N, C-alpha and C. Protein backbone atom coordinates (compact mmCIF):
# COMPACT_ATOMS: atom_id res chain seq x y z
N MET A 1 85.06 -112.36 94.51
CA MET A 1 86.46 -112.11 94.19
C MET A 1 86.54 -111.35 92.86
N LYS A 2 87.35 -110.31 92.84
CA LYS A 2 87.51 -109.51 91.65
C LYS A 2 88.27 -110.28 90.57
N ARG A 3 87.72 -110.29 89.35
CA ARG A 3 88.40 -110.97 88.25
C ARG A 3 89.48 -110.08 87.67
N PRO A 4 90.66 -110.65 87.33
CA PRO A 4 91.71 -109.84 86.71
C PRO A 4 91.26 -109.36 85.34
N LYS A 5 91.72 -108.18 84.96
CA LYS A 5 91.34 -107.57 83.68
C LYS A 5 92.37 -107.93 82.62
N LEU A 6 91.88 -108.48 81.53
CA LEU A 6 92.73 -108.89 80.42
C LEU A 6 92.31 -108.11 79.18
N LYS A 7 93.27 -107.55 78.45
CA LYS A 7 92.99 -106.84 77.21
C LYS A 7 93.64 -107.58 76.05
N TRP A 8 92.84 -107.87 75.05
CA TRP A 8 93.37 -108.40 73.79
C TRP A 8 93.54 -107.22 72.87
N ILE A 9 94.69 -107.04 72.28
CA ILE A 9 94.88 -106.01 71.27
C ILE A 9 94.44 -106.62 69.96
N LYS A 10 93.48 -105.97 69.31
CA LYS A 10 92.85 -106.51 68.11
C LYS A 10 93.88 -106.97 67.10
N SER A 11 93.61 -108.13 66.54
CA SER A 11 94.49 -108.69 65.52
C SER A 11 93.67 -109.59 64.62
N LYS A 12 94.33 -110.28 63.72
CA LYS A 12 93.64 -111.15 62.78
C LYS A 12 93.53 -112.58 63.31
N THR A 13 93.50 -112.71 64.62
CA THR A 13 93.40 -114.02 65.22
C THR A 13 91.93 -114.42 65.32
N ASN A 14 91.68 -115.62 65.79
CA ASN A 14 90.32 -116.08 66.02
C ASN A 14 89.83 -115.45 67.32
N GLU A 15 89.50 -114.20 67.24
CA GLU A 15 89.22 -113.37 68.41
C GLU A 15 88.11 -113.92 69.30
N ASP A 16 86.99 -114.32 68.71
CA ASP A 16 85.86 -114.80 69.52
C ASP A 16 86.24 -116.00 70.38
N LEU A 17 86.97 -116.94 69.81
CA LEU A 17 87.38 -118.13 70.54
C LEU A 17 88.34 -117.76 71.68
N LEU A 18 89.28 -116.86 71.41
CA LEU A 18 90.25 -116.46 72.42
C LEU A 18 89.59 -115.72 73.58
N VAL A 19 88.62 -114.86 73.27
CA VAL A 19 87.91 -114.13 74.32
C VAL A 19 87.10 -115.10 75.16
N GLU A 20 86.40 -116.01 74.51
CA GLU A 20 85.59 -117.00 75.23
C GLU A 20 86.46 -117.84 76.17
N MET A 21 87.59 -118.29 75.67
CA MET A 21 88.49 -119.11 76.48
C MET A 21 89.01 -118.31 77.68
N SER A 22 89.37 -117.07 77.46
CA SER A 22 89.90 -116.23 78.54
C SER A 22 88.85 -115.97 79.61
N GLU A 23 87.61 -115.78 79.21
CA GLU A 23 86.53 -115.58 80.18
C GLU A 23 86.26 -116.84 80.99
N LYS A 24 86.36 -117.99 80.34
CA LYS A 24 86.12 -119.26 81.03
C LYS A 24 87.15 -119.50 82.14
N ILE A 25 88.37 -119.03 81.95
CA ILE A 25 89.38 -119.26 82.98
C ILE A 25 89.41 -118.14 84.01
N GLY A 26 88.47 -117.18 83.90
CA GLY A 26 88.30 -116.22 84.97
C GLY A 26 88.68 -114.78 84.70
N PHE A 27 88.99 -114.42 83.47
CA PHE A 27 89.36 -113.04 83.17
C PHE A 27 88.14 -112.21 82.79
N GLU A 28 88.18 -110.94 83.13
CA GLU A 28 87.26 -109.95 82.59
C GLU A 28 87.94 -109.44 81.32
N VAL A 29 87.34 -109.70 80.16
CA VAL A 29 88.04 -109.47 78.88
C VAL A 29 87.45 -108.27 78.15
N GLU A 30 88.35 -107.48 77.57
CA GLU A 30 87.97 -106.39 76.67
C GLU A 30 88.93 -106.44 75.50
N VAL A 31 88.40 -106.23 74.29
CA VAL A 31 89.25 -106.18 73.10
C VAL A 31 89.51 -104.72 72.78
N LEU A 32 90.76 -104.34 72.72
CA LEU A 32 91.15 -102.96 72.41
C LEU A 32 91.23 -102.82 70.90
N ARG A 33 90.31 -102.06 70.36
CA ARG A 33 90.29 -101.79 68.92
C ARG A 33 90.70 -100.33 68.72
N SER A 34 91.89 -100.13 68.24
CA SER A 34 92.35 -98.76 68.03
C SER A 34 92.80 -98.59 66.58
N ASP A 35 92.74 -97.37 66.12
CA ASP A 35 93.25 -97.03 64.79
C ASP A 35 93.90 -95.66 64.89
N SER A 36 94.24 -95.07 63.76
CA SER A 36 94.96 -93.79 63.79
C SER A 36 94.13 -92.65 64.38
N SER A 37 92.81 -92.82 64.49
CA SER A 37 91.98 -91.75 65.05
C SER A 37 91.70 -91.93 66.54
N THR A 38 92.16 -93.04 67.13
CA THR A 38 91.93 -93.29 68.55
C THR A 38 92.81 -92.37 69.39
N GLU A 39 92.19 -91.70 70.37
CA GLU A 39 92.94 -90.80 71.22
C GLU A 39 93.95 -91.59 72.06
N LEU A 40 95.15 -91.07 72.13
CA LEU A 40 96.21 -91.71 72.90
C LEU A 40 95.81 -91.87 74.37
N ALA A 41 95.09 -90.91 74.90
CA ALA A 41 94.66 -90.98 76.30
C ALA A 41 93.75 -92.19 76.54
N LYS A 42 92.91 -92.54 75.57
CA LYS A 42 92.03 -93.71 75.73
C LYS A 42 92.88 -94.98 75.80
N ILE A 43 93.83 -95.11 74.89
CA ILE A 43 94.70 -96.28 74.89
C ILE A 43 95.46 -96.36 76.21
N TYR A 44 95.97 -95.22 76.66
CA TYR A 44 96.71 -95.19 77.92
C TYR A 44 95.87 -95.75 79.06
N TRP A 45 94.65 -95.23 79.24
CA TRP A 45 93.82 -95.64 80.38
C TRP A 45 93.39 -97.09 80.30
N VAL A 46 93.06 -97.55 79.10
CA VAL A 46 92.63 -98.95 78.95
C VAL A 46 93.77 -99.89 79.34
N LEU A 47 94.97 -99.61 78.85
CA LEU A 47 96.11 -100.49 79.15
C LEU A 47 96.60 -100.32 80.59
N ASN A 48 96.54 -99.11 81.11
CA ASN A 48 97.01 -98.87 82.47
C ASN A 48 96.12 -99.55 83.50
N LEU A 49 94.87 -99.78 83.19
CA LEU A 49 93.95 -100.44 84.12
C LEU A 49 93.93 -101.96 83.95
N SER A 50 94.75 -102.48 83.06
CA SER A 50 94.76 -103.91 82.76
C SER A 50 95.78 -104.66 83.62
N ASP A 51 95.43 -105.91 83.93
CA ASP A 51 96.36 -106.79 84.62
C ASP A 51 97.22 -107.57 83.63
N VAL A 52 96.61 -107.91 82.47
CA VAL A 52 97.28 -108.69 81.44
C VAL A 52 96.91 -108.10 80.08
N VAL A 53 97.88 -108.00 79.19
CA VAL A 53 97.64 -107.56 77.81
C VAL A 53 98.23 -108.62 76.89
N ILE A 54 97.43 -109.04 75.90
CA ILE A 54 97.88 -110.04 74.92
C ILE A 54 97.73 -109.45 73.54
N GLY A 55 98.73 -109.63 72.71
CA GLY A 55 98.66 -109.15 71.33
C GLY A 55 99.66 -109.86 70.45
N VAL A 56 99.42 -109.75 69.15
CA VAL A 56 100.29 -110.36 68.15
C VAL A 56 101.43 -109.39 67.84
N HIS A 57 102.64 -109.94 67.72
CA HIS A 57 103.85 -109.17 67.43
C HIS A 57 103.59 -108.17 66.31
N GLY A 58 104.00 -106.95 66.53
CA GLY A 58 103.87 -105.90 65.53
C GLY A 58 104.01 -104.54 66.17
N ALA A 59 103.92 -103.50 65.37
CA ALA A 59 104.12 -102.14 65.86
C ALA A 59 103.13 -101.76 66.94
N THR A 60 101.92 -102.28 66.87
CA THR A 60 100.90 -101.95 67.87
C THR A 60 101.34 -102.37 69.27
N MET A 61 102.19 -103.37 69.36
CA MET A 61 102.61 -103.86 70.68
C MET A 61 103.47 -102.84 71.44
N THR A 62 103.92 -101.77 70.77
CA THR A 62 104.66 -100.74 71.51
C THR A 62 103.75 -100.04 72.52
N GLN A 63 102.45 -100.24 72.40
CA GLN A 63 101.51 -99.65 73.35
C GLN A 63 101.71 -100.23 74.76
N PHE A 64 102.46 -101.31 74.88
CA PHE A 64 102.71 -101.89 76.20
C PHE A 64 103.42 -100.89 77.11
N LEU A 65 104.00 -99.85 76.55
CA LEU A 65 104.65 -98.82 77.35
C LEU A 65 103.67 -98.14 78.30
N PHE A 66 102.37 -98.23 78.01
CA PHE A 66 101.35 -97.61 78.85
C PHE A 66 100.88 -98.53 79.99
N MET A 67 101.38 -99.74 80.04
CA MET A 67 100.98 -100.67 81.10
C MET A 67 101.61 -100.24 82.42
N ARG A 68 100.91 -100.53 83.51
CA ARG A 68 101.46 -100.16 84.82
C ARG A 68 102.46 -101.23 85.28
N PRO A 69 103.39 -100.85 86.13
CA PRO A 69 104.34 -101.83 86.65
C PRO A 69 103.61 -102.99 87.34
N GLY A 70 104.11 -104.18 87.13
CA GLY A 70 103.52 -105.37 87.74
C GLY A 70 102.50 -106.07 86.88
N SER A 71 102.06 -105.43 85.79
CA SER A 71 101.12 -106.10 84.89
C SER A 71 101.92 -107.00 83.93
N VAL A 72 101.21 -107.83 83.19
CA VAL A 72 101.86 -108.85 82.37
C VAL A 72 101.55 -108.62 80.89
N LEU A 73 102.57 -108.71 80.05
CA LEU A 73 102.42 -108.62 78.60
C LEU A 73 102.69 -110.00 78.01
N ILE A 74 101.77 -110.47 77.19
CA ILE A 74 101.99 -111.72 76.46
C ILE A 74 101.99 -111.36 74.98
N GLN A 75 103.13 -111.55 74.34
CA GLN A 75 103.27 -111.24 72.93
C GLN A 75 103.25 -112.54 72.14
N VAL A 76 102.34 -112.64 71.19
CA VAL A 76 102.24 -113.82 70.34
C VAL A 76 103.08 -113.56 69.10
N ILE A 77 104.07 -114.42 68.87
CA ILE A 77 104.93 -114.28 67.70
C ILE A 77 104.57 -115.39 66.72
N PRO A 78 103.96 -115.02 65.59
CA PRO A 78 103.52 -116.04 64.62
C PRO A 78 104.68 -116.87 64.07
N LEU A 79 104.38 -118.12 63.76
CA LEU A 79 105.38 -118.97 63.10
C LEU A 79 105.82 -118.30 61.81
N GLY A 80 107.08 -118.39 61.51
CA GLY A 80 107.60 -117.79 60.28
C GLY A 80 108.14 -116.39 60.47
N THR A 81 107.98 -115.81 61.66
CA THR A 81 108.52 -114.49 61.94
C THR A 81 110.04 -114.62 62.02
N SER A 82 110.72 -113.67 61.41
CA SER A 82 112.18 -113.77 61.38
C SER A 82 112.78 -113.63 62.77
N GLY A 83 113.93 -114.23 62.95
CA GLY A 83 114.65 -114.15 64.21
C GLY A 83 115.01 -112.72 64.57
N GLN A 84 115.31 -111.90 63.57
CA GLN A 84 115.67 -110.49 63.83
C GLN A 84 114.50 -109.75 64.46
N GLN A 85 113.28 -109.98 63.98
CA GLN A 85 112.11 -109.32 64.57
C GLN A 85 111.94 -109.72 66.02
N ARG A 86 112.09 -110.99 66.32
CA ARG A 86 111.95 -111.45 67.70
C ARG A 86 113.05 -110.85 68.57
N HIS A 87 114.26 -110.79 68.03
CA HIS A 87 115.40 -110.25 68.76
C HIS A 87 115.18 -108.77 69.10
N ASN A 88 114.71 -107.97 68.14
CA ASN A 88 114.51 -106.54 68.36
C ASN A 88 113.50 -106.27 69.45
N MET A 89 112.36 -106.93 69.42
CA MET A 89 111.33 -106.69 70.42
C MET A 89 111.80 -107.20 71.78
N GLY A 90 112.52 -108.28 71.82
CA GLY A 90 113.02 -108.80 73.08
C GLY A 90 113.96 -107.80 73.77
N ASN A 91 114.85 -107.18 73.00
CA ASN A 91 115.76 -106.20 73.57
C ASN A 91 115.00 -105.00 74.14
N LEU A 92 113.95 -104.57 73.46
CA LEU A 92 113.16 -103.45 73.94
C LEU A 92 112.51 -103.79 75.26
N GLN A 93 111.95 -104.98 75.36
CA GLN A 93 111.28 -105.38 76.61
C GLN A 93 112.29 -105.47 77.74
N GLU A 94 113.43 -106.07 77.50
CA GLU A 94 114.43 -106.27 78.54
C GLU A 94 114.98 -104.92 79.03
N SER A 95 115.06 -103.93 78.14
CA SER A 95 115.61 -102.64 78.54
C SER A 95 114.68 -101.87 79.45
N LEU A 96 113.40 -102.23 79.49
CA LEU A 96 112.43 -101.51 80.32
C LEU A 96 112.23 -102.18 81.68
N ILE A 97 112.79 -103.36 81.87
CA ILE A 97 112.58 -104.07 83.13
C ILE A 97 113.46 -103.49 84.21
């Protein structure tokens, strides 16, 4: 059986533990490490081929626009994040559905 593809967008989280946990529950995991020199086409293809994308709230999460319809985005919003930040990103997601 083909394992679903999960992409973690690099962040300051405990990455090794999260990847290990995701693999144990059956995901094929890749960590997307991008910076200002990463070609947009690479980011597009990595995210477009993913079934699930997980990342911490922030500007990098706008890359979810490259996900294909039917895939799942999980946005982690750290404790202490203002309500306005959560509200803004929520409106953006709802407008694309």
